[in-house]
Amino acid sequence: MIIGYLAFIRKEYRISVYVWFFVLSFVYALLIFRQRLPAEKFHFFEYGLFSYFSHNAVEKDNIITRVLKFKNSYLIAFILILVISSIDEFIQHLLPNRVGELSDVFLNAISGIMGLMIIGLVLRRDEK
């Protein structure tokens, strides 16, 4: 779907964009398949998608950048991912049938970084 968008809608002709897409997709898939539990695999995908939504929300909303007096939408989105992931794991730690671990926050952060890299290196590369 992303390849179709790049080739037919955006008419992207630079090979480096496609190389970045395939490299990042391969690393992302490798990290997903290394997860033991199906819920962890979905969680990894979920935070990658959340990075896309959080970046778009931060990029489009000038209120956040005006309040923080900081314009880097990628860093703000990453901080938002870390905060939500930490809250999620803290809630899981409080529940009796769930386990909240710091390693899950780390994996969620990696997933968020991968999603932000796809946005920055593939989808938004022409907007400089």
N, C-alpha and C. Protein backbone atom coordinates (compact mmCIF):
# COMPACT_ATOMS: atom_id res chain seq x y z
N MET A 1 0.82 -1.17 0.00
CA MET A 1 0.00 0.00 0.00
C MET A 1 0.88 1.26 0.00
N ILE A 2 1.94 1.26 0.81
CA ILE A 2 2.83 2.42 0.84
C ILE A 2 3.58 2.54 -0.48
N ILE A 3 3.96 1.41 -1.05
CA ILE A 3 4.67 1.43 -2.35
C ILE A 3 3.76 2.03 -3.41
N GLY A 4 2.48 1.67 -3.42
CA GLY A 4 1.53 2.25 -4.37
C GLY A 4 1.39 3.74 -4.18
N TYR A 5 1.34 4.18 -2.94
CA TYR A 5 1.26 5.60 -2.65
C TYR A 5 2.49 6.33 -3.18
N LEU A 6 3.67 5.75 -2.90
CA LEU A 6 4.91 6.40 -3.34
C LEU A 6 5.03 6.45 -4.86
N ALA A 7 4.66 5.34 -5.50
CA ALA A 7 4.87 5.25 -6.95
C ALA A 7 3.81 5.97 -7.76
N PHE A 8 2.55 5.85 -7.37
CA PHE A 8 1.48 6.35 -8.23
C PHE A 8 0.88 7.68 -7.80
N ILE A 9 0.82 7.95 -6.51
CA ILE A 9 0.22 9.19 -6.05
C ILE A 9 1.30 10.28 -5.90
N ARG A 10 2.36 9.95 -5.17
CA ARG A 10 3.41 10.94 -4.96
C ARG A 10 4.40 10.97 -6.12
N LYS A 11 4.38 9.93 -6.95
CA LYS A 11 5.28 9.81 -8.11
C LYS A 11 6.74 9.99 -7.69
N GLU A 12 7.13 9.18 -6.73
CA GLU A 12 8.49 9.22 -6.19
C GLU A 12 9.43 8.44 -7.10
N TYR A 13 10.48 9.10 -7.57
CA TYR A 13 11.41 8.46 -8.50
C TYR A 13 12.78 8.17 -7.88
N ARG A 14 13.04 8.67 -6.68
CA ARG A 14 14.34 8.43 -6.04
C ARG A 14 14.38 7.01 -5.48
N ILE A 15 15.39 6.26 -5.84
CA ILE A 15 15.53 4.87 -5.40
C ILE A 15 15.82 4.81 -3.90
N SER A 16 16.45 5.84 -3.34
CA SER A 16 16.80 5.81 -1.92
C SER A 16 15.56 5.73 -1.03
N VAL A 17 14.45 6.31 -1.45
CA VAL A 17 13.22 6.25 -0.67
C VAL A 17 12.74 4.80 -0.58
N TYR A 18 12.79 4.07 -1.70
CA TYR A 18 12.36 2.67 -1.71
C TYR A 18 13.33 1.78 -0.94
N VAL A 19 14.62 2.09 -1.03
CA VAL A 19 15.61 1.31 -0.27
C VAL A 19 15.37 1.49 1.22
N TRP A 20 15.17 2.74 1.68
CA TRP A 20 14.87 2.97 3.08
C TRP A 20 13.60 2.24 3.51
N PHE A 21 12.59 2.28 2.65
CA PHE A 21 11.33 1.60 2.99
C PHE A 21 11.55 0.11 3.18
N PHE A 22 12.26 -0.53 2.26
CA PHE A 22 12.49 -1.97 2.38
C PHE A 22 13.38 -2.33 3.56
N VAL A 23 14.41 -1.54 3.81
CA VAL A 23 15.29 -1.82 4.96
C VAL A 23 14.52 -1.68 6.26
N LEU A 24 13.79 -0.58 6.42
CA LEU A 24 13.03 -0.36 7.66
C LEU A 24 11.91 -1.38 7.82
N SER A 25 11.27 -1.76 6.73
CA SER A 25 10.22 -2.79 6.79
C SER A 25 10.80 -4.13 7.20
N PHE A 26 11.98 -4.46 6.68
CA PHE A 26 12.62 -5.72 7.04
C PHE A 26 12.99 -5.75 8.52
N VAL A 27 13.58 -4.67 9.02
CA VAL A 27 13.95 -4.61 10.44
C VAL A 27 12.70 -4.66 11.32
N TYR A 28 11.67 -3.95 10.92
CA TYR A 28 10.42 -3.94 11.68
C TYR A 28 9.81 -5.34 11.73
N ALA A 29 9.76 -6.02 10.58
CA ALA A 29 9.22 -7.39 10.54
C ALA A 29 10.07 -8.33 11.38
N LEU A 30 11.38 -8.18 11.31
CA LEU A 30 12.27 -9.03 12.10
C LEU A 30 12.02 -8.84 13.59
N LEU A 31 11.84 -7.59 14.01
CA LEU A 31 11.57 -7.33 15.42
C LEU A 31 10.20 -7.85 15.85
N ILE A 32 9.23 -7.78 14.96
CA ILE A 32 7.90 -8.31 15.29
C ILE A 32 7.95 -9.84 15.44
N PHE A 33 8.64 -10.51 14.54
CA PHE A 33 8.69 -11.98 14.59
C PHE A 33 9.55 -12.49 15.74
N ARG A 34 10.39 -11.65 16.32
CA ARG A 34 11.19 -12.08 17.46
C ARG A 34 10.39 -12.07 18.76
N GLN A 35 9.23 -11.43 18.75
CA GLN A 35 8.38 -11.40 19.94
C GLN A 35 7.78 -12.78 20.17
N ARG A 36 7.71 -13.19 21.42
CA ARG A 36 7.24 -14.54 21.75
C ARG A 36 5.72 -14.67 21.72
N LEU A 37 5.04 -13.71 22.31
CA LEU A 37 3.60 -13.81 22.45
C LEU A 37 2.88 -13.03 21.35
N PRO A 38 1.73 -13.53 20.90
CA PRO A 38 0.96 -12.78 19.88
C PRO A 38 0.56 -11.39 20.36
N ALA A 39 0.26 -11.26 21.65
CA ALA A 39 -0.11 -9.94 22.18
C ALA A 39 1.06 -8.97 22.08
N GLU A 40 2.29 -9.45 22.30
CA GLU A 40 3.47 -8.59 22.17
C GLU A 40 3.69 -8.18 20.72
N LYS A 41 3.41 -9.09 19.79
CA LYS A 41 3.54 -8.75 18.37
C LYS A 41 2.56 -7.65 17.99
N PHE A 42 1.34 -7.78 18.46
CA PHE A 42 0.35 -6.76 18.15
C PHE A 42 0.71 -5.44 18.83
N HIS A 43 1.21 -5.51 20.05
CA HIS A 43 1.62 -4.32 20.78
C HIS A 43 2.72 -3.59 20.02
N PHE A 44 3.64 -4.34 19.46
CA PHE A 44 4.73 -3.75 18.69
C PHE A 44 4.19 -3.02 17.46
N PHE A 45 3.27 -3.66 16.77
CA PHE A 45 2.62 -3.03 15.61
C PHE A 45 1.82 -1.81 16.03
N GLU A 46 1.13 -1.93 17.15
CA GLU A 46 0.26 -0.86 17.65
C GLU A 46 1.06 0.41 17.94
N TYR A 47 2.22 0.28 18.57
CA TYR A 47 3.02 1.47 18.87
C TYR A 47 3.68 2.04 17.63
N GLY A 48 3.93 1.24 16.63
CA GLY A 48 4.40 1.77 15.35
C GLY A 48 3.34 2.63 14.70
N LEU A 49 2.11 2.16 14.73
CA LEU A 49 0.99 2.93 14.19
C LEU A 49 0.71 4.17 15.05
N PHE A 50 0.85 4.03 16.35
CA PHE A 50 0.66 5.17 17.25
C PHE A 50 1.68 6.26 16.97
N SER A 51 2.90 5.88 16.57
CA SER A 51 3.90 6.89 16.25
C SER A 51 3.45 7.74 15.05
N TYR A 52 2.80 7.10 14.09
CA TYR A 52 2.29 7.84 12.93
C TYR A 52 1.22 8.84 13.36
N PHE A 53 0.27 8.38 14.16
CA PHE A 53 -0.82 9.25 14.60
C PHE A 53 -0.32 10.37 15.51
N SER A 54 0.59 10.05 16.42
CA SER A 54 1.09 11.08 17.33
C SER A 54 1.92 12.11 16.57
N HIS A 55 2.69 11.68 15.59
CA HIS A 55 3.46 12.64 14.80
C HIS A 55 2.54 13.56 14.01
N ASN A 56 1.51 13.00 13.40
CA ASN A 56 0.57 13.84 12.66
C ASN A 56 -0.16 14.82 13.57
N ALA A 57 -0.52 14.36 14.76
CA ALA A 57 -1.21 15.25 15.70
C ALA A 57 -0.30 16.40 16.13
N VAL A 58 0.93 16.10 16.43
CA VAL A 58 1.87 17.12 16.87
C VAL A 58 2.22 18.05 15.72
N GLU A 59 2.40 17.50 14.54
CA GLU A 59 2.79 18.31 13.38
C GLU A 59 1.68 19.27 12.96
N LYS A 60 0.44 18.82 13.03
CA LYS A 60 -0.69 19.64 12.58
C LYS A 60 -1.17 20.63 13.63
N ASP A 61 -0.89 20.37 14.90
CA ASP A 61 -1.43 21.19 15.99
C ASP A 61 -0.37 22.16 16.49
N ASN A 62 -0.54 23.44 16.20
CA ASN A 62 0.42 24.44 16.63
C ASN A 62 0.35 24.73 18.12
N ILE A 63 -0.74 24.34 18.79
CA ILE A 63 -0.88 24.61 20.22
C ILE A 63 0.20 23.87 21.00
N ILE A 64 0.46 22.62 20.63
CA ILE A 64 1.47 21.83 21.34
C ILE A 64 2.85 22.45 21.19
N THR A 65 3.19 22.82 19.97
CA THR A 65 4.52 23.41 19.75
C THR A 65 4.63 24.79 20.38
N ARG A 66 3.54 25.55 20.44
CA ARG A 66 3.59 26.87 21.09
C ARG A 66 3.72 26.74 22.60
N VAL A 67 3.02 25.77 23.19
CA VAL A 67 3.10 25.59 24.64
C VAL A 67 4.50 25.11 25.03
N LEU A 68 5.03 24.15 24.28
CA LEU A 68 6.34 23.60 24.60
C LEU A 68 7.48 24.48 24.08
N LYS A 69 7.18 25.42 23.21
CA LYS A 69 8.17 26.29 22.59
C LYS A 69 9.28 25.47 21.92
N PHE A 70 8.86 24.43 21.27
CA PHE A 70 9.78 23.51 20.62
C PHE A 70 9.13 23.04 19.34
N LYS A 71 9.85 23.03 18.24
CA LYS A 71 9.24 22.78 16.94
C LYS A 71 9.52 21.39 16.36
N ASN A 72 10.33 20.57 17.00
CA ASN A 72 10.67 19.27 16.45
C ASN A 72 9.54 18.27 16.71
N SER A 73 8.71 18.04 15.70
CA SER A 73 7.54 17.18 15.88
C SER A 73 7.92 15.71 16.10
N TYR A 74 9.08 15.29 15.60
CA TYR A 74 9.52 13.91 15.80
C TYR A 74 9.88 13.66 17.27
N LEU A 75 10.59 14.60 17.88
CA LEU A 75 10.97 14.44 19.28
C LEU A 75 9.75 14.51 20.20
N ILE A 76 8.85 15.43 19.92
CA ILE A 76 7.63 15.54 20.74
C ILE A 76 6.80 14.27 20.62
N ALA A 77 6.68 13.73 19.41
CA ALA A 77 5.93 12.48 19.21
C ALA A 77 6.60 11.33 19.95
N PHE A 78 7.94 11.28 19.94
CA PHE A 78 8.65 10.22 20.65
C PHE A 78 8.43 10.33 22.15
N ILE A 79 8.48 11.54 22.67
CA ILE A 79 8.23 11.73 24.11
C ILE A 79 6.81 11.31 24.46
N LEU A 80 5.86 11.63 23.60
CA LEU A 80 4.48 11.21 23.81
C LEU A 80 4.37 9.68 23.82
N ILE A 81 5.09 9.02 22.93
CA ILE A 81 5.10 7.55 22.89
C ILE A 81 5.67 7.00 24.19
N LEU A 82 6.76 7.57 24.68
CA LEU A 82 7.35 7.11 25.94
C LEU A 82 6.41 7.29 27.12
N VAL A 83 5.73 8.41 27.17
CA VAL A 83 4.82 8.68 28.28
C VAL A 83 3.64 7.71 28.26
N ILE A 84 3.02 7.53 27.09
CA ILE A 84 1.88 6.61 26.98
C ILE A 84 2.31 5.18 27.28
N SER A 85 3.47 4.78 26.78
CA SER A 85 3.98 3.43 27.04
C SER A 85 4.24 3.21 28.52
N SER A 86 4.82 4.21 29.18
CA SER A 86 5.09 4.09 30.61
C SER A 86 3.80 3.99 31.42
N ILE A 87 2.82 4.80 31.06
CA ILE A 87 1.52 4.73 31.74
C ILE A 87 0.87 3.37 31.53
N ASP A 88 0.95 2.88 30.30
CA ASP A 88 0.37 1.56 29.97
C ASP A 88 1.02 0.46 30.80
N GLU A 89 2.33 0.47 30.88
CA GLU A 89 3.02 -0.57 31.66
C GLU A 89 2.78 -0.42 33.15
N PHE A 90 2.64 0.80 33.64
CA PHE A 90 2.33 1.01 35.05
C PHE A 90 0.95 0.45 35.38
N ILE A 91 -0.01 0.69 34.51
CA ILE A 91 -1.36 0.14 34.73
C ILE A 91 -1.31 -1.39 34.70
N GLN A 92 -0.54 -1.95 33.78
CA GLN A 92 -0.42 -3.41 33.73
C GLN A 92 0.24 -3.95 35.00
N HIS A 93 1.17 -3.19 35.57
CA HIS A 93 1.83 -3.60 36.80
C HIS A 93 0.84 -3.66 37.97
N LEU A 94 -0.14 -2.78 37.96
CA LEU A 94 -1.13 -2.74 39.04
C LEU A 94 -2.17 -3.84 38.93
N LEU A 95 -2.41 -4.35 37.73
CA LEU A 95 -3.44 -5.38 37.55
C LEU A 95 -2.89 -6.74 37.98
N PRO A 96 -3.73 -7.56 38.64
CA PRO A 96 -3.23 -8.84 39.16
C PRO A 96 -2.92 -9.87 38.07
N ASN A 97 -3.60 -9.81 36.95
CA ASN A 97 -3.39 -10.84 35.92
C ASN A 97 -2.47 -10.36 34.80
N ARG A 98 -1.83 -9.20 34.96
CA ARG A 98 -0.93 -8.66 33.94
C ARG A 98 0.44 -8.39 34.55
N VAL A 99 1.43 -8.25 33.68
CA VAL A 99 2.79 -7.97 34.12
C VAL A 99 3.28 -6.72 33.40
N GLY A 100 3.68 -5.72 34.16
CA GLY A 100 4.25 -4.52 33.57
C GLY A 100 5.76 -4.56 33.73
N GLU A 101 6.47 -4.50 32.61
CA GLU A 101 7.93 -4.60 32.64
C GLU A 101 8.56 -3.41 31.94
N LEU A 102 9.73 -3.02 32.41
CA LEU A 102 10.47 -1.93 31.80
C LEU A 102 10.94 -2.31 30.39
N SER A 103 11.19 -3.59 30.16
CA SER A 103 11.61 -4.03 28.83
C SER A 103 10.50 -3.80 27.79
N ASP A 104 9.24 -3.85 28.22
CA ASP A 104 8.14 -3.56 27.30
C ASP A 104 8.12 -2.08 26.91
N VAL A 105 8.46 -1.21 27.85
CA VAL A 105 8.55 0.22 27.52
C VAL A 105 9.66 0.42 26.49
N PHE A 106 10.77 -0.28 26.67
CA PHE A 106 11.88 -0.20 25.72
C PHE A 106 11.46 -0.68 24.33
N LEU A 107 10.75 -1.81 24.27
CA LEU A 107 10.29 -2.32 22.97
C LEU A 107 9.27 -1.39 22.32
N ASN A 108 8.41 -0.81 23.12
CA ASN A 108 7.46 0.17 22.58
C ASN A 108 8.18 1.39 22.03
N ALA A 109 9.24 1.81 22.71
CA ALA A 109 10.02 2.95 22.23
C ALA A 109 10.72 2.61 20.91
N ILE A 110 11.24 1.40 20.80
CA ILE A 110 11.87 0.97 19.55
C ILE A 110 10.84 0.95 18.43
N SER A 111 9.67 0.45 18.71
CA SER A 111 8.60 0.44 17.72
C SER A 111 8.24 1.85 17.29
N GLY A 112 8.16 2.76 18.26
CA GLY A 112 7.86 4.15 17.94
C GLY A 112 8.96 4.79 17.10
N ILE A 113 10.22 4.49 17.42
CA ILE A 113 11.33 5.02 16.64
C ILE A 113 11.27 4.50 15.21
N MET A 114 10.97 3.22 15.05
CA MET A 114 10.88 2.64 13.70
C MET A 114 9.76 3.32 12.91
N GLY A 115 8.63 3.54 13.55
CA GLY A 115 7.53 4.22 12.88
C GLY A 115 7.89 5.64 12.49
N LEU A 116 8.57 6.35 13.38
CA LEU A 116 8.99 7.72 13.08
C LEU A 116 10.06 7.75 11.98
N MET A 117 10.90 6.73 11.94
CA MET A 117 11.89 6.66 10.86
C MET A 117 11.22 6.43 9.51
N ILE A 118 10.20 5.60 9.48
CA ILE A 118 9.46 5.40 8.23
C ILE A 118 8.81 6.71 7.79
N ILE A 119 8.25 7.44 8.74
CA ILE A 119 7.64 8.73 8.40
C ILE A 119 8.70 9.69 7.86
N GLY A 120 9.80 9.82 8.58
CA GLY A 120 10.82 10.80 8.22
C GLY A 120 11.62 10.45 6.98
N LEU A 121 11.95 9.18 6.80
CA LEU A 121 12.83 8.79 5.70
C LEU A 121 12.09 8.35 4.45
N VAL A 122 10.82 7.98 4.59
CA VAL A 122 10.08 7.47 3.44
C VAL A 122 8.91 8.38 3.08
N LEU A 123 8.02 8.60 4.02
CA LEU A 123 6.78 9.30 3.70
C LEU A 123 6.92 10.81 3.61
N ARG A 124 7.76 11.42 4.43
CA ARG A 124 7.85 12.88 4.47
C ARG A 124 9.18 13.39 3.91
N ARG A 125 9.87 12.60 3.17
CA ARG A 125 11.22 12.95 2.75
C ARG A 125 11.25 14.17 1.84
N ASP A 126 10.23 14.37 1.05
CA ASP A 126 10.22 15.49 0.10
C ASP A 126 9.85 16.82 0.74
N GLU A 127 9.39 16.79 1.99
CA GLU A 127 8.93 18.02 2.66
C GLU A 127 10.05 18.61 3.51
N LYS A 128 11.03 19.21 2.90
CA LYS A 128 12.16 19.79 3.64
C LYS A 128 12.13 21.27 3.58
